[in-house]
PDB file of all heavy atoms in Angstrom:
ATOM      1  N   PHE A   1       4.134  45.868  53.963  1.00  0.00           N
ATOM      2  CA  PHE A   1       3.971  44.521  54.483  1.00  0.00           C
ATOM      3  C   PHE A   1       3.862  44.518  56.003  1.00  0.00           C
ATOM      4  O   PHE A   1       3.022  43.836  56.569  1.00  0.00           O
ATOM      5  CB  PHE A   1       5.159  43.637  54.080  1.00  0.00           C
ATOM      6  CG  PHE A   1       5.284  43.445  52.607  1.00  0.00           C
ATOM      7  CD1 PHE A   1       6.206  44.168  51.867  1.00  0.00           C
ATOM      8  CD2 PHE A   1       4.466  42.545  51.940  1.00  0.00           C
ATOM      9  CE1 PHE A   1       6.329  43.981  50.508  1.00  0.00           C
ATOM     10  CE2 PHE A   1       4.580  42.349  50.578  1.00  0.00           C
ATOM     11  CZ  PHE A   1       5.513  43.079  49.854  1.00  0.00           C
ATOM     12  N   TYR A   2       4.746  45.249  56.663  1.00  0.00           N
ATOM     13  CA  TYR A   2       4.828  45.227  58.119  1.00  0.00           C
ATOM     14  C   TYR A   2       4.163  46.428  58.775  1.00  0.00           C
ATOM     15  O   TYR A   2       3.450  46.284  59.742  1.00  0.00           O
ATOM     16  CB  TYR A   2       6.288  45.130  58.576  1.00  0.00           C
ATOM     17  CG  TYR A   2       6.963  43.888  58.070  1.00  0.00           C
ATOM     18  CD1 TYR A   2       7.985  43.962  57.140  1.00  0.00           C
ATOM     19  CD2 TYR A   2       6.556  42.627  58.499  1.00  0.00           C
ATOM     20  CE1 TYR A   2       8.602  42.819  56.661  1.00  0.00           C
ATOM     21  CE2 TYR A   2       7.164  41.487  58.015  1.00  0.00           C
ATOM     22  CZ  TYR A   2       8.190  41.589  57.104  1.00  0.00           C
ATOM     23  OH  TYR A   2       8.783  40.464  56.619  1.00  0.00           O
ATOM     24  N   HIS A   3       4.447  47.602  58.271  1.00  0.00           N
ATOM     25  CA  HIS A   3       3.829  48.806  58.831  1.00  0.00           C
ATOM     26  C   HIS A   3       2.381  48.886  58.366  1.00  0.00           C
ATOM     27  O   HIS A   3       2.069  48.619  57.211  1.00  0.00           O
ATOM     28  CB  HIS A   3       4.595  50.063  58.395  1.00  0.00           C
ATOM     29  CG  HIS A   3       5.906  50.208  59.082  1.00  0.00           C
ATOM     30  ND1 HIS A   3       7.054  49.579  58.637  1.00  0.00           N
ATOM     31  CD2 HIS A   3       6.264  50.895  60.190  1.00  0.00           C
ATOM     32  CE1 HIS A   3       8.058  49.877  59.433  1.00  0.00           C
ATOM     33  NE2 HIS A   3       7.609  50.682  60.383  1.00  0.00           N
ATOM     34  N   THR A   4       1.508  49.262  59.265  1.00  0.00           N
ATOM     35  CA  THR A   4       0.083  49.360  58.967  1.00  0.00           C
ATOM     36  C   THR A   4      -0.162  50.417  57.905  1.00  0.00           C
ATOM     37  O   THR A   4       0.400  51.512  57.961  1.00  0.00           O
ATOM     38  CB  THR A   4      -0.702  49.736  60.253  1.00  0.00           C
ATOM     39  OG1 THR A   4      -0.382  48.808  61.276  1.00  0.00           O
ATOM     40  CG2 THR A   4      -2.189  49.728  60.001  1.00  0.00           C
ATOM     41  N   ASP A   5      -1.002  50.056  56.937  1.00  0.00           N
ATOM     42  CA  ASP A   5      -1.369  51.022  55.907  1.00  0.00           C
ATOM     43  C   ASP A   5      -2.322  52.050  56.509  1.00  0.00           C
ATOM     44  O   ASP A   5      -3.330  51.696  57.108  1.00  0.00           O
ATOM     45  CB  ASP A   5      -2.046  50.320  54.727  1.00  0.00           C
ATOM     46  CG  ASP A   5      -1.084  49.463  53.936  1.00  0.00           C
ATOM     47  OD1 ASP A   5       0.126  49.693  54.035  1.00  0.00           O
ATOM     48  OD2 ASP A   5      -1.549  48.567  53.209  1.00  0.00           O
ATOM     49  N   ARG A   6      -1.955  53.305  56.371  1.00  0.00           N
ATOM     50  CA  ARG A   6      -2.788  54.423  56.799  1.00  0.00           C
ATOM     51  C   ARG A   6      -2.687  55.508  55.747  1.00  0.00           C
ATOM     52  O   ARG A   6      -1.642  55.651  55.109  1.00  0.00           O
ATOM     53  CB  ARG A   6      -2.291  54.995  58.132  1.00  0.00           C
ATOM     54  CG  ARG A   6      -2.632  54.146  59.326  1.00  0.00           C
ATOM     55  CD  ARG A   6      -2.372  54.947  60.588  1.00  0.00           C
ATOM     56  NE  ARG A   6      -1.534  54.125  61.458  1.00  0.00           N
ATOM     57  CZ  ARG A   6      -0.751  54.581  62.390  1.00  0.00           C
ATOM     58  NH1 ARG A   6      -0.653  55.865  62.606  1.00  0.00           N
ATOM     59  NH2 ARG A   6      -0.045  53.776  63.135  1.00  0.00           N
ATOM     60  N   PRO A   7      -3.731  56.283  55.568  1.00  0.00           N
ATOM     61  CA  PRO A   7      -3.657  57.368  54.579  1.00  0.00           C
ATOM     62  C   PRO A   7      -2.461  58.285  54.843  1.00  0.00           C
ATOM     63  O   PRO A   7      -2.227  58.707  55.977  1.00  0.00           O
ATOM     64  CB  PRO A   7      -4.978  58.119  54.773  1.00  0.00           C
ATOM     65  CG  PRO A   7      -5.913  57.115  55.372  1.00  0.00           C
ATOM     66  CD  PRO A   7      -5.043  56.228  56.232  1.00  0.00           C
ATOM     67  N   GLY A   8      -1.680  58.538  53.800  1.00  0.00           N
ATOM     68  CA  GLY A   8      -0.537  59.440  53.919  1.00  0.00           C
ATOM     69  C   GLY A   8       0.705  58.830  54.526  1.00  0.00           C
ATOM     70  O   GLY A   8       1.706  59.520  54.691  1.00  0.00           O
ATOM     71  N   ARG A   9       0.666  57.550  54.865  1.00  0.00           N
ATOM     72  CA  ARG A   9       1.818  56.897  55.483  1.00  0.00           C
ATOM     73  C   ARG A   9       2.493  55.976  54.467  1.00  0.00           C
ATOM     74  O   ARG A   9       1.891  55.012  54.004  1.00  0.00           O
ATOM     75  CB  ARG A   9       1.369  56.065  56.679  1.00  0.00           C
ATOM     76  CG  ARG A   9       2.502  55.392  57.398  1.00  0.00           C
ATOM     77  CD  ARG A   9       1.971  54.578  58.552  1.00  0.00           C
ATOM     78  NE  ARG A   9       3.053  54.110  59.384  1.00  0.00           N
ATOM     79  CZ  ARG A   9       2.886  53.468  60.501  1.00  0.00           C
ATOM     80  NH1 ARG A   9       1.659  53.206  60.929  1.00  0.00           N
ATOM     81  NH2 ARG A   9       3.911  53.072  61.207  1.00  0.00           N
ATOM     82  N   PRO A  10       3.755  56.247  54.118  1.00  0.00           N
ATOM     83  CA  PRO A  10       4.448  55.415  53.129  1.00  0.00           C
ATOM     84  C   PRO A  10       4.920  54.090  53.752  1.00  0.00           C
ATOM     85  O   PRO A  10       6.104  53.895  54.030  1.00  0.00           O
ATOM     86  CB  PRO A  10       5.613  56.300  52.683  1.00  0.00           C
ATOM     87  CG  PRO A  10       5.909  57.132  53.890  1.00  0.00           C
ATOM     88  CD  PRO A  10       4.567  57.368  54.562  1.00  0.00           C
ATOM     89  N   SER A  11       3.992  53.169  53.961  1.00  0.00           N
ATOM     90  CA  SER A  11       4.268  51.939  54.705  1.00  0.00           C
ATOM     91  C   SER A  11       5.381  51.097  54.088  1.00  0.00           C
ATOM     92  O   SER A  11       6.228  50.559  54.810  1.00  0.00           O
ATOM     93  CB  SER A  11       2.991  51.109  54.842  1.00  0.00           C
ATOM     94  OG  SER A  11       2.017  51.812  55.564  1.00  0.00           O
ATOM     95  N   LEU A  12       5.384  50.922  52.762  1.00  0.00           N
ATOM     96  CA  LEU A  12       6.432  50.116  52.141  1.00  0.00           C
ATOM     97  C   LEU A  12       7.789  50.798  52.286  1.00  0.00           C
ATOM     98  O   LEU A  12       8.799  50.131  52.522  1.00  0.00           O
ATOM     99  CB  LEU A  12       6.114  49.845  50.664  1.00  0.00           C
ATOM    100  CG  LEU A  12       7.092  48.929  49.932  1.00  0.00           C
ATOM    101  CD1 LEU A  12       7.225  47.573  50.637  1.00  0.00           C
ATOM    102  CD2 LEU A  12       6.662  48.731  48.484  1.00  0.00           C
ATOM    103  N   ALA A  13       7.816  52.116  52.176  1.00  0.00           N
ATOM    104  CA  ALA A  13       9.075  52.849  52.382  1.00  0.00           C
ATOM    105  C   ALA A  13       9.568  52.647  53.811  1.00  0.00           C
ATOM    106  O   ALA A  13      10.761  52.440  54.045  1.00  0.00           O
ATOM    107  CB  ALA A  13       8.883  54.336  52.079  1.00  0.00           C
ATOM    108  N   LEU A  14       8.656  52.673  54.782  1.00  0.00           N
ATOM    109  CA  LEU A  14       9.047  52.444  56.172  1.00  0.00           C
ATOM    110  C   LEU A  14       9.534  51.013  56.378  1.00  0.00           C
ATOM    111  O   LEU A  14      10.481  50.771  57.129  1.00  0.00           O
ATOM    112  CB  LEU A  14       7.878  52.750  57.107  1.00  0.00           C
ATOM    113  CG  LEU A  14       7.418  54.214  57.130  1.00  0.00           C
ATOM    114  CD1 LEU A  14       6.151  54.354  57.962  1.00  0.00           C
ATOM    115  CD2 LEU A  14       8.510  55.121  57.642  1.00  0.00           C
ATOM    116  N   ASP A  15       8.886  50.055  55.700  1.00  0.00           N
ATOM    117  CA  ASP A  15       9.340  48.661  55.773  1.00  0.00           C
ATOM    118  C   ASP A  15      10.774  48.535  55.266  1.00  0.00           C
ATOM    119  O   ASP A  15      11.623  47.921  55.918  1.00  0.00           O
ATOM    120  CB  ASP A  15       8.450  47.747  54.914  1.00  0.00           C
ATOM    121  CG  ASP A  15       7.047  47.571  55.447  1.00  0.00           C
ATOM    122  OD1 ASP A  15       6.792  47.941  56.607  1.00  0.00           O
ATOM    123  OD2 ASP A  15       6.197  47.059  54.691  1.00  0.00           O
ATOM    124  N   MET A  16      11.040  49.107  54.113  1.00  0.00           N
ATOM    125  CA  MET A  16      12.363  48.981  53.501  1.00  0.00           C
ATOM    126  C   MET A  16      13.421  49.764  54.284  1.00  0.00           C
ATOM    127  O   MET A  16      14.584  49.378  54.321  1.00  0.00           O
ATOM    128  CB  MET A  16      12.328  49.442  52.051  1.00  0.00           C
ATOM    129  CG  MET A  16      13.626  49.167  51.326  1.00  0.00           C
ATOM    130  SD  MET A  16      13.463  49.348  49.554  1.00  0.00           S
ATOM    131  CE  MET A  16      12.560  47.852  49.192  1.00  0.00           C
ATOM    132  N   MET A  17      13.002  50.829  54.938  1.00  0.00           N
ATOM    133  CA  MET A  17      13.943  51.606  55.757  1.00  0.00           C
ATOM    134  C   MET A  17      14.546  50.770  56.873  1.00  0.00           C
ATOM    135  O   MET A  17      15.690  50.994  57.261  1.00  0.00           O
ATOM    136  CB  MET A  17      13.228  52.797  56.399  1.00  0.00           C
ATOM    137  CG  MET A  17      13.178  54.020  55.562  1.00  0.00           C
ATOM    138  SD  MET A  17      12.350  55.359  56.435  1.00  0.00           S
ATOM    139  CE  MET A  17      13.387  55.566  57.878  1.00  0.00           C
ATOM    140  N   GLU A  18      13.781  49.810  57.399  1.00  0.00           N
ATOM    141  CA  GLU A  18      14.248  49.011  58.536  1.00  0.00           C
ATOM    142  C   GLU A  18      15.592  48.358  58.258  1.00  0.00           C
ATOM    143  O   GLU A  18      16.448  48.301  59.123  1.00  0.00           O
ATOM    144  CB  GLU A  18      13.205  47.956  58.918  1.00  0.00           C
ATOM    145  CG  GLU A  18      11.912  48.516  59.457  1.00  0.00           C
ATOM    146  CD  GLU A  18      12.067  49.301  60.747  1.00  0.00           C
ATOM    147  OE1 GLU A  18      12.978  48.997  61.544  1.00  0.00           O
ATOM    148  OE2 GLU A  18      11.275  50.234  60.948  1.00  0.00           O
ATOM    149  N   GLU A  19      15.772  47.853  57.048  1.00  0.00           N
ATOM    150  CA  GLU A  19      17.024  47.173  56.729  1.00  0.00           C
ATOM    151  C   GLU A  19      18.153  48.150  56.400  1.00  0.00           C
ATOM    152  O   GLU A  19      19.320  47.780  56.470  1.00  0.00           O
ATOM    153  CB  GLU A  19      16.825  46.190  55.575  1.00  0.00           C
ATOM    154  CG  GLU A  19      16.516  46.858  54.256  1.00  0.00           C
ATOM    155  CD  GLU A  19      16.098  45.880  53.196  1.00  0.00           C
ATOM    156  OE1 GLU A  19      14.966  45.369  53.267  1.00  0.00           O
ATOM    157  OE2 GLU A  19      16.909  45.617  52.295  1.00  0.00           O
ATOM    158  N   LEU A  20      17.822  49.375  56.049  1.00  0.00           N
ATOM    159  CA  LEU A  20      18.830  50.354  55.659  1.00  0.00           C
ATOM    160  C   LEU A  20      19.232  51.301  56.788  1.00  0.00           C
ATOM    161  O   LEU A  20      20.312  51.893  56.753  1.00  0.00           O
ATOM    162  CB  LEU A  20      18.323  51.168  54.460  1.00  0.00           C
ATOM    163  CG  LEU A  20      18.020  50.364  53.192  1.00  0.00           C
ATOM    164  CD1 LEU A  20      17.401  51.264  52.125  1.00  0.00           C
ATOM    165  CD2 LEU A  20      19.266  49.686  52.667  1.00  0.00           C
ATOM    166  N   ARG A  21      18.366  51.445  57.784  1.00  0.00           N
ATOM    167  CA  ARG A  21      18.634  52.402  58.877  1.00  0.00           C
ATOM    168  C   ARG A  21      19.960  52.168  59.583  1.00  0.00           C
ATOM    169  O   ARG A  21      20.725  53.119  59.772  1.00  0.00           O
ATOM    170  CB  ARG A  21      17.505  52.369  59.907  1.00  0.00           C
ATOM    171  CG  ARG A  21      16.304  53.132  59.504  1.00  0.00           C
ATOM    172  CD  ARG A  21      15.244  53.213  60.553  1.00  0.00           C
ATOM    173  NE  ARG A  21      15.368  52.260  61.624  1.00  0.00           N
ATOM    174  CZ  ARG A  21      14.576  52.199  62.662  1.00  0.00           C
ATOM    175  NH1 ARG A  21      13.593  53.059  62.784  1.00  0.00           N
ATOM    176  NH2 ARG A  21      14.740  51.300  63.597  1.00  0.00           N
ATOM    177  N   PRO A  22      20.275  50.937  60.000  1.00  0.00           N
ATOM    178  CA  PRO A  22      21.540  50.762  60.739  1.00  0.00           C
ATOM    179  C   PRO A  22      22.765  51.181  59.929  1.00  0.00           C
ATOM    180  O   PRO A  22      23.669  51.828  60.458  1.00  0.00           O
ATOM    181  CB  PRO A  22      21.583  49.264  61.049  1.00  0.00           C
ATOM    182  CG  PRO A  22      20.177  48.805  60.943  1.00  0.00           C
ATOM    183  CD  PRO A  22      19.521  49.688  59.923  1.00  0.00           C
ATOM    184  N   PHE A  23      22.784  50.822  58.651  1.00  0.00           N
ATOM    185  CA  PHE A  23      23.950  51.094  57.824  1.00  0.00           C
ATOM    186  C   PHE A  23      24.033  52.555  57.397  1.00  0.00           C
ATOM    187  O   PHE A  23      25.124  53.127  57.347  1.00  0.00           O
ATOM    188  CB  PHE A  23      23.945  50.190  56.584  1.00  0.00           C
ATOM    189  CG  PHE A  23      25.169  50.320  55.741  1.00  0.00           C
ATOM    190  CD1 PHE A  23      26.382  49.794  56.172  1.00  0.00           C
ATOM    191  CD2 PHE A  23      25.128  50.973  54.529  1.00  0.00           C
ATOM    192  CE1 PHE A  23      27.523  49.919  55.397  1.00  0.00           C
ATOM    193  CE2 PHE A  23      26.260  51.110  53.745  1.00  0.00           C
ATOM    194  CZ  PHE A  23      27.461  50.581  54.177  1.00  0.00           C
ATOM    195  N   LEU A  24      22.895  53.159  57.078  1.00  0.00           N
ATOM    196  CA  LEU A  24      22.914  54.533  56.575  1.00  0.00           C
ATOM    197  C   LEU A  24      22.750  55.578  57.676  1.00  0.00           C
ATOM    198  O   LEU A  24      23.609  56.425  57.864  1.00  0.00           O
ATOM    199  CB  LEU A  24      21.825  54.715  55.513  1.00  0.00           C
ATOM    200  CG  LEU A  24      22.093  54.022  54.190  1.00  0.00           C
ATOM    201  CD1 LEU A  24      20.867  54.063  53.300  1.00  0.00           C
ATOM    202  CD2 LEU A  24      23.256  54.673  53.482  1.00  0.00           C
ATOM    203  N   SER A  25      21.663  55.530  58.396  1.00  0.00           N
ATOM    204  CA  SER A  25      21.347  56.599  59.351  1.00  0.00           C
ATOM    205  C   SER A  25      22.014  56.419  60.707  1.00  0.00           C
ATOM    206  O   SER A  25      22.651  57.346  61.217  1.00  0.00           O
ATOM    207  CB  SER A  25      19.830  56.692  59.531  1.00  0.00           C
ATOM    208  OG  SER A  25      19.209  56.958  58.303  1.00  0.00           O
ATOM    209  N   ASP A  26      21.850  55.258  61.309  1.00  0.00           N
ATOM    210  CA  ASP A  26      22.372  55.049  62.664  1.00  0.00           C
ATOM    211  C   ASP A  26      23.887  55.181  62.709  1.00  0.00           C
ATOM    212  O   ASP A  26      24.441  55.835  63.600  1.00  0.00           O
ATOM    213  CB  ASP A  26      21.954  53.684  63.208  1.00  0.00           C
ATOM    214  CG  ASP A  26      20.450  53.517  63.325  1.00  0.00           C
ATOM    215  OD1 ASP A  26      19.721  54.533  63.195  1.00  0.00           O
ATOM    216  OD2 ASP A  26      19.989  52.382  63.532  1.00  0.00           O
ATOM    217  N   ARG A  27      24.560  54.583  61.749  1.00  0.00           N
ATOM    218  CA  ARG A  27      26.022  54.647  61.709  1.00  0.00           C
ATOM    219  C   ARG A  27      26.496  56.083  61.518  1.00  0.00           C
ATOM    220  O   ARG A  27      27.446  56.527  62.162  1.00  0.00           O
ATOM    221  CB  ARG A  27      26.551  53.755  60.587  1.00  0.00           C
ATOM    222  CG  ARG A  27      28.074  53.708  60.545  1.00  0.00           C
ATOM    223  CD  ARG A  27      28.557  52.752  59.503  1.00  0.00           C
ATOM    224  NE  ARG A  27      28.270  51.384  59.910  1.00  0.00           N
ATOM    225  CZ  ARG A  27      28.632  50.314  59.221  1.00  0.00           C
ATOM    226  NH1 ARG A  27      29.293  50.443  58.090  1.00  0.00           N
ATOM    227  NH2 ARG A  27      28.347  49.112  59.659  1.00  0.00           N
ATOM    228  N   LEU A  28      25.817  56.823  60.642  1.00  0.00           N
ATOM    229  CA  LEU A  28      26.202  58.219  60.411  1.00  0.00           C
ATOM    230  C   LEU A  28      25.991  59.054  61.673  1.00  0.00           C
ATOM    231  O   LEU A  28      26.839  59.881  62.026  1.00  0.00           O
ATOM    232  CB  LEU A  28      25.427  58.803  59.234  1.00  0.00           C
ATOM    233  CG  LEU A  28      25.764  60.253  58.871  1.00  0.00           C
ATOM    234  CD1 LEU A  28      27.244  60.423  58.535  1.00  0.00           C
ATOM    235  CD2 LEU A  28      24.902  60.709  57.706  1.00  0.00           C
ATOM    236  N   ALA A  29      24.873  58.834  62.367  1.00  0.00           N
ATOM    237  CA  ALA A  29      24.612  59.582  63.604  1.00  0.00           C
ATOM    238  C   ALA A  29      25.712  59.324  64.627  1.00  0.00           C
ATOM    239  O   ALA A  29      26.235  60.265  65.240  1.00  0.00           O
ATOM    240  CB  ALA A  29      23.254  59.190  64.183  1.00  0.00           C
ATOM    241  N   LEU A  30      26.074  58.069  64.796  1.00  0.00           N
ATOM    242  CA  LEU A  30      27.142  57.740  65.752  1.00  0.00           C
ATOM    243  C   LEU A  30      28.476  58.351  65.341  1.00  0.00           C
ATOM    244  O   LEU A  30      29.214  58.867  66.184  1.00  0.00           O
ATOM    245  CB  LEU A  30      27.273  56.228  65.899  1.00  0.00           C
ATOM    246  CG  LEU A  30      26.120  55.545  66.620  1.00  0.00           C
ATOM    247  CD1 LEU A  30      26.248  54.033  66.532  1.00  0.00           C
ATOM    248  CD2 LEU A  30      26.031  55.998  68.070  1.00  0.00           C
ATOM    249  N   ASN A  31      28.785  58.296  64.055  1.00  0.00           N
ATOM    250  CA  ASN A  31      30.034  58.904  63.578  1.00  0.00           C
ATOM    251  C   ASN A  31      30.050  60.415  63.818  1.00  0.00           C
ATOM    252  O   ASN A  31      31.072  60.958  64.244  1.00  0.00           O
ATOM    253  CB  ASN A  31      30.246  58.613  62.092  1.00  0.00           C
ATOM    254  CG  ASN A  31      30.729  57.205  61.840  1.00  0.00           C
ATOM    255  OD1 ASN A  31      31.208  56.523  62.734  1.00  0.00           O
ATOM    256  ND2 ASN A  31      30.572  56.756  60.606  1.00  0.00           N
ATOM    257  N   LEU A  32      28.939  61.082  63.544  1.00  0.00           N
ATOM    258  CA  LEU A  32      28.885  62.527  63.742  1.00  0.00           C
ATOM    259  C   LEU A  32      29.122  62.900  65.205  1.00  0.00           C
ATOM    260  O   LEU A  32      29.822  63.872  65.498  1.00  0.00           O
ATOM    261  CB  LEU A  32      27.539  63.075  63.278  1.00  0.00           C
ATOM    262  CG  LEU A  32      27.329  63.144  61.768  1.00  0.00           C
ATOM    263  CD1 LEU A  32      25.866  63.430  61.442  1.00  0.00           C
ATOM    264  CD2 LEU A  32      28.232  64.197  61.142  1.00  0.00           C
ATOM    265  N   VAL A  33      28.563  62.126  66.111  1.00  0.00           N
ATOM    266  CA  VAL A  33      28.735  62.400  67.543  1.00  0.00           C
ATOM    267  C   VAL A  33      30.136  62.005  67.995  1.00  0.00           C
ATOM    268  O   VAL A  33      30.826  62.788  68.653  1.00  0.00           O
ATOM    269  CB  VAL A  33      27.646  61.677  68.364  1.00  0.00           C
ATOM    270  CG1 VAL A  33      27.935  61.767  69.856  1.00  0.00           C
ATOM    271  CG2 VAL A  33      26.269  62.253  68.043  1.00  0.00           C
ATOM    272  N   ASN A  34      30.575  60.805  67.640  1.00  0.00           N
ATOM    273  CA  ASN A  34      31.882  60.324  68.092  1.00  0.00           C
ATOM    274  C   ASN A  34      33.036  61.153  67.543  1.00  0.00           C
ATOM    275  O   ASN A  34      34.051  61.330  68.218  1.00  0.00           O
ATOM    276  CB  ASN A  34      32.074  58.852  67.718  1.00  0.00           C
ATOM    277  CG  ASN A  34      31.223  57.931  68.559  1.00  0.00           C
ATOM    278  OD1 ASN A  34      30.798  58.283  69.658  1.00  0.00           O
ATOM    279  ND2 ASN A  34      30.941  56.744  68.046  1.00  0.00           N
ATOM    280  N   LEU A  35      32.895  61.660  66.323  1.00  0.00           N
ATOM    281  CA  LEU A  35      33.948  62.489  65.726  1.00  0.00           C
ATOM    282  C   LEU A  35      33.774  63.967  66.073  1.00  0.00           C
ATOM    283  O   LEU A  35      34.471  64.817  65.540  1.00  0.00           O
ATOM    284  CB  LEU A  35      33.980  62.292  64.209  1.00  0.00           C
ATOM    285  CG  LEU A  35      34.331  60.875  63.738  1.00  0.00           C
ATOM    286  CD1 LEU A  35      34.181  60.755  62.229  1.00  0.00           C
ATOM    287  CD2 LEU A  35      35.733  60.497  64.189  1.00  0.00           C
ATOM    288  N   GLN A  36      32.803  64.248  66.931  1.00  0.00           N
ATOM    289  CA  GLN A  36      32.509  65.585  67.435  1.00  0.00           C
ATOM    290  C   GLN A  36      32.211  66.584  66.317  1.00  0.00           C
ATOM    291  O   GLN A  36      32.519  67.765  66.421  1.00  0.00           O
ATOM    292  CB  GLN A  36      33.641  66.079  68.333  1.00  0.00           C
ATOM    293  CG  GLN A  36      33.829  65.197  69.549  1.00  0.00           C
ATOM    294  CD  GLN A  36      34.977  65.631  70.435  1.00  0.00           C
ATOM    295  OE1 GLN A  36      35.731  66.540  70.127  1.00  0.00           O
ATOM    296  NE2 GLN A  36      35.110  64.942  71.560  1.00  0.00           N
ATOM    297  N   GLN A  37      31.574  66.085  65.246  1.00  0.00           N
ATOM    298  CA  GLN A  37      31.110  66.970  64.181  1.00  0.00           C
ATOM    299  C   GLN A  37      29.764  67.584  64.567  1.00  0.00           C
ATOM    300  O   GLN A  37      29.374  68.612  64.035  1.00  0.00           O
ATOM    301  CB  GLN A  37      30.993  66.205  62.870  1.00  0.00           C
ATOM    302  CG  GLN A  37      32.345  65.782  62.313  1.00  0.00           C
ATOM    303  CD  GLN A  37      32.188  64.883  61.115  1.00  0.00           C
ATOM    304  OE1 GLN A  37      31.792  63.725  61.239  1.00  0.00           O
ATOM    305  NE2 GLN A  37      32.506  65.417  59.955  1.00  0.00           N
ATOM    306  N   ILE A  38      29.067  66.927  65.472  1.00  0.00           N
ATOM    307  CA  ILE A  38      27.810  67.411  66.044  1.00  0.00           C
ATOM    308  C   ILE A  38      27.976  67.350  67.562  1.00  0.00           C
ATOM    309  O   ILE A  38      28.428  66.343  68.109  1.00  0.00           O
ATOM    310  CB  ILE A  38      26.615  66.520  65.618  1.00  0.00           C
ATOM    311  CG1 ILE A  38      26.343  66.649  64.127  1.00  0.00           C
ATOM    312  CG2 ILE A  38      25.367  66.849  66.422  1.00  0.00           C
ATOM    313  CD1 ILE A  38      25.757  67.975  63.696  1.00  0.00           C
ATOM    314  N   GLY A  39      27.621  68.425  68.219  1.00  0.00           N
ATOM    315  CA  GLY A  39      27.732  68.466  69.674  1.00  0.00           C
ATOM    316  C   GLY A  39      26.533  69.155  70.304  1.00  0.00           C
ATOM    317  O   GLY A  39      25.575  69.534  69.613  1.00  0.00           O
ATOM    318  N   LYS A  40      26.613  69.361  71.605  1.00  0.00           N
ATOM    319  CA  LYS A  40      25.468  69.933  72.329  1.00  0.00           C
ATOM    320  C   LYS A  40      25.112  71.335  71.852  1.00  0.00           C
ATOM    321  O   LYS A  40      23.967  71.752  71.955  1.00  0.00           O
ATOM    322  CB  LYS A  40      25.715  69.915  73.832  1.00  0.00           C
ATOM    323  CG  LYS A  40      26.844  70.795  74.293  1.00  0.00           C
ATOM    324  CD  LYS A  40      27.015  70.701  75.787  1.00  0.00           C
ATOM    325  CE  LYS A  40      28.141  71.635  76.207  1.00  0.00           C
ATOM    326  NZ  LYS A  40      28.314  71.651  77.641  1.00  0.00           N
TER     327      LYS A  40
END
């Protein structure tokens, strides 16, 4: 709906990711860094 359709690009998956990214990916990334499970 939102991401432009291009060959090989999963546009609907990218659309749906927008609502899930903060809760799943972004929060996990911050936790990994803040809890020092991932470092430089």
